[in-house]
Protein backbone atom coordinates (compact mmCIF):
# COMPACT_ATOMS: atom_id res chain seq x y z
CA MET A 1 -123.93 -71.21 -35.39
CA ARG A 2 -124.97 -70.22 -31.99
CA CYS A 3 -122.46 -70.97 -28.94
CA GLU A 4 -123.84 -70.82 -25.54
CA VAL A 5 -121.45 -70.31 -22.96
CA VAL A 6 -122.00 -70.81 -19.07
CA THR A 7 -119.46 -68.88 -16.93
CA ALA A 8 -119.05 -67.27 -13.57
CA ALA A 9 -117.32 -64.41 -15.60
CA PRO A 10 -118.96 -63.12 -18.47
CA GLU A 11 -117.21 -59.59 -18.52
CA VAL A 12 -113.94 -61.80 -19.01
CA LEU A 13 -115.27 -63.50 -21.99
CA SER A 14 -116.91 -60.58 -23.61
CA GLY A 15 -113.46 -59.09 -24.63
CA TRP A 16 -112.14 -62.65 -25.80
CA SER A 17 -115.38 -63.33 -27.97
CA GLN A 18 -114.84 -60.03 -29.77
CA THR A 19 -111.39 -60.35 -30.95
CA SER A 20 -109.48 -62.78 -33.14
CA MET A 21 -111.46 -65.55 -35.10
CA ILE A 22 -114.21 -65.58 -32.89
CA GLY A 23 -114.68 -61.79 -33.53
CA ARG A 24 -114.49 -62.40 -37.40
CA GLY A 25 -116.80 -65.10 -37.23
CA GLN A 26 -119.56 -62.71 -35.41
CA ALA A 27 -118.58 -59.93 -37.56
CA ALA A 28 -119.43 -62.12 -40.86
CA GLY A 29 -122.81 -63.16 -39.01
CA ALA A 30 -121.59 -66.87 -39.07
CA LEU A 31 -121.18 -66.97 -35.15
CA GLU A 32 -123.23 -65.85 -32.06
CA VAL A 33 -121.74 -66.17 -28.79
CA VAL A 34 -123.94 -65.99 -25.88
CA CYS A 35 -122.60 -65.86 -22.33
CA TRP A 36 -124.77 -67.07 -19.44
CA ASP A 37 -123.67 -65.79 -16.03
CA VAL A 38 -124.16 -68.40 -13.47
CA ARG A 39 -124.17 -66.01 -10.62
CA GLU A 40 -127.83 -65.03 -11.71
CA TYR A 41 -128.78 -68.43 -10.38
CA GLY A 42 -126.95 -68.27 -7.41
CA LEU A 43 -128.27 -69.39 -4.05
CA GLY A 44 -129.20 -67.40 -0.81
CA SER A 45 -129.27 -63.82 -0.31
CA TYR A 46 -125.68 -63.41 -1.51
CA GLY A 47 -126.22 -65.59 -4.59
CA ALA A 48 -123.61 -68.26 -3.61
CA ILE A 49 -122.25 -70.30 -6.64
CA ASP A 50 -119.63 -71.98 -4.68
CA ASP A 51 -119.11 -74.06 -1.37
CA TYR A 52 -116.40 -75.94 0.54
CA PRO A 53 -115.64 -79.31 -0.45
CA TYR A 54 -117.49 -82.19 1.39
CA GLY A 55 -115.15 -84.06 3.65
CA GLY A 56 -113.02 -80.96 4.02
CA GLY A 57 -109.61 -80.11 2.24
CA ALA A 58 -108.52 -76.68 0.49
CA GLY A 59 -110.27 -74.84 -2.20
CA MET A 60 -113.88 -74.15 -3.37
CA LEU A 61 -116.26 -76.11 -5.57
CA LEU A 62 -118.98 -75.04 -8.05
CA ARG A 63 -122.40 -75.72 -6.45
CA PRO A 64 -124.44 -78.03 -8.73
CA GLU A 65 -127.69 -76.02 -8.26
CA PRO A 66 -126.89 -72.84 -9.73
CA LEU A 67 -124.92 -74.41 -12.51
CA ALA A 68 -127.81 -76.70 -13.54
CA ALA A 69 -130.12 -74.04 -13.51
CA ALA A 70 -127.81 -71.80 -15.83
CA ILE A 71 -127.50 -74.78 -18.26
CA GLU A 72 -131.22 -75.43 -18.38
CA ALA A 73 -131.84 -71.86 -19.10
CA ALA A 74 -129.33 -71.93 -21.82
CA VAL A 75 -130.83 -75.17 -23.36
CA ALA A 76 -134.13 -73.78 -23.29
CA ALA A 77 -133.40 -70.52 -24.94
């Protein structure tokens, strides 16, 4: 089984995917975990993946453009 994960922090998931039951599944060859870094598809010179909410308010939101591009790349692989 191949599991595609789209994330903004692949380094966090790399440790998780090598331990416990996920790690055992990979070691047995039953599971393959592939992490896609949404930051590779960021916009502008800084590779922005987030933006302020429309209409104001606190916090940040993921931009749909980089997220969609990362998902399309994962599906095409």
